[in-house]
């Protein structure tokens, strides 16, 4: 079942409101978010190779550390695209490579039936 743009905007807005526990947050999907999401969906449908960039190291954090939500979401997105038979590579910076690569290795050990995800950093 395919959702109309308006239905998709409403659904995304509600998801964002529930996620942040803030009514009204996410209404921006009604204006620009849906167009961007639809263009992204069309682009991914046509793409043969996809590179997802994530895991930026934040030197000013106390203590310095990689971002926390991007890497796990990018790993999830990568596996979903791999299951759709897309050629996916996950690219991160050198500081975050160890954590992201270890996470991917644990996922692949726990679920050997999944396609292999390639994780790279600029020095590779």
Protein backbone atom coordinates (compact mmCIF):
# COMPACT_ATOMS: atom_id res chain seq x y z
CA UNK A 1 0.00 0.00 0.00
CA UNK A 2 1.52 3.30 -1.10
CA UNK A 3 0.91 6.45 0.92
CA UNK A 4 0.10 9.79 -0.69
CA UNK A 5 2.46 12.68 -0.01
CA UNK A 6 -0.02 14.14 2.47
CA UNK A 7 -0.42 10.83 4.33
CA UNK A 8 3.35 10.39 4.44
CA UNK A 9 3.82 13.93 5.80
CA UNK A 10 1.26 13.32 8.53
CA UNK A 11 2.79 9.97 9.48
CA UNK A 12 6.33 11.39 9.63
CA UNK A 13 5.14 14.35 11.67
CA UNK A 14 3.47 12.05 14.22
CA UNK A 15 6.55 9.82 14.42
CA UNK A 16 8.77 12.84 15.11
CA UNK A 17 6.31 14.23 17.69
CA UNK A 18 6.19 10.90 19.52
CA UNK A 19 9.96 10.45 19.35
CA UNK A 20 10.64 13.86 20.88
CA UNK A 21 7.48 13.92 23.04
CA UNK A 22 6.76 17.39 21.68
CA UNK A 23 3.40 17.95 19.93
CA UNK A 24 3.77 20.03 16.79
CA UNK A 25 7.42 19.12 16.26
CA UNK A 26 7.87 17.56 12.87
CA UNK A 27 5.24 19.64 11.09
CA UNK A 28 8.03 20.80 8.77
CA UNK A 29 7.59 17.48 6.93
CA UNK A 30 4.35 18.91 5.56
CA UNK A 31 6.33 21.58 3.73
CA UNK A 32 9.77 20.42 2.61
CA UNK A 33 10.53 17.09 4.27
CA UNK A 34 8.18 15.02 2.17
CA UNK A 35 9.59 16.35 -1.10
CA UNK A 36 13.12 15.59 0.07
CA UNK A 37 12.14 12.13 1.28
CA UNK A 38 10.37 11.30 -1.99
CA UNK A 39 13.37 12.47 -4.02
CA UNK A 40 15.66 10.39 -1.81
CA UNK A 41 13.44 7.32 -2.25
CA UNK A 42 13.51 7.74 -6.04
CA UNK A 43 17.29 8.20 -6.03
CA UNK A 44 17.85 5.08 -3.89
CA UNK A 45 15.54 3.04 -6.13
CA UNK A 46 17.75 3.90 -9.14
CA UNK A 47 21.13 3.68 -7.39
CA UNK A 48 23.42 0.71 -7.88
CA UNK A 49 26.10 1.82 -5.41
CA UNK A 50 25.44 3.72 -2.19
CA UNK A 51 27.94 5.19 0.28
CA UNK A 52 26.69 6.25 3.70
CA UNK A 53 28.90 8.66 5.67
CA UNK A 54 28.69 8.72 9.48
CA UNK A 55 30.48 8.77 12.82
CA UNK A 56 31.99 12.20 13.10
CA UNK A 57 34.34 12.62 16.03
CA UNK A 58 33.53 15.56 18.32
CA UNK A 59 36.75 16.90 19.87
CA UNK A 60 34.89 19.46 22.00
CA UNK A 61 32.74 16.80 23.74
CA UNK A 62 33.61 15.98 27.36
CA UNK A 63 35.18 13.48 27.02
CA UNK A 64 35.93 13.71 23.26
CA UNK A 65 33.85 11.07 21.49
CA UNK A 66 32.04 10.19 18.27
CA UNK A 67 28.46 11.25 17.71
CA UNK A 68 26.04 8.72 19.19
CA UNK A 69 22.91 8.46 17.03
CA UNK A 70 24.32 8.60 13.51
CA UNK A 71 26.47 5.45 13.54
CA UNK A 72 23.76 3.08 14.79
CA UNK A 73 21.18 4.52 12.39
CA UNK A 74 23.59 4.34 9.48
CA UNK A 75 24.38 0.68 10.23
CA UNK A 76 20.64 -0.07 10.34
CA UNK A 77 20.06 1.80 7.06
CA UNK A 78 23.02 0.04 5.44
CA UNK A 79 21.73 -3.43 6.27
CA UNK A 80 18.24 -2.53 5.05
CA UNK A 81 19.70 -1.38 1.73
CA UNK A 82 21.89 -4.49 1.50
CA UNK A 83 18.78 -6.63 1.94
CA UNK A 84 17.33 -4.78 -1.06
CA UNK A 85 20.36 -5.98 -3.03
CA UNK A 86 22.06 -2.57 -3.14
CA UNK A 87 25.86 -2.29 -3.18
CA UNK A 88 26.45 -0.37 0.09
CA UNK A 89 29.62 0.95 1.74
CA UNK A 90 29.71 2.62 5.14
CA UNK A 91 32.30 5.41 5.37
CA UNK A 92 33.44 6.95 8.66
CA UNK A 93 36.36 8.95 9.94
CA UNK A 94 39.50 7.28 11.30
CA UNK A 95 38.63 8.07 14.95
CA UNK A 96 35.25 6.32 14.74
CA UNK A 97 36.24 3.41 12.52
CA UNK A 98 37.08 1.01 15.38
CA UNK A 99 33.74 1.39 17.14
CA UNK A 100 31.66 1.23 13.97
CA UNK A 101 33.61 -1.68 12.52
CA UNK A 102 33.37 -3.62 15.83
CA UNK A 103 29.60 -3.04 15.89
CA UNK A 104 29.23 -4.29 12.32
CA UNK A 105 31.37 -7.36 13.17
CA UNK A 106 29.13 -8.16 16.15
CA UNK A 107 25.99 -7.81 14.01
CA UNK A 108 27.48 -10.09 11.36
CA UNK A 109 28.57 -12.65 13.97
CA UNK A 110 25.12 -12.71 15.54
CA UNK A 111 23.37 -12.80 12.14
CA UNK A 112 25.58 -14.60 9.61
CA UNK A 113 22.65 -14.77 7.19
CA UNK A 114 22.96 -11.01 6.57
CA UNK A 115 24.96 -9.70 3.61
CA UNK A 116 28.46 -8.47 4.45
CA UNK A 117 28.69 -4.71 5.08
CA UNK A 118 31.86 -2.93 3.97
CA UNK A 119 33.12 -0.33 6.48
CA UNK A 120 35.84 2.08 5.33
CA UNK A 121 37.70 5.17 6.52
CA UNK A 122 39.63 7.76 4.47
CA UNK A 123 43.01 6.11 5.12
CA UNK A 124 41.94 2.83 3.50
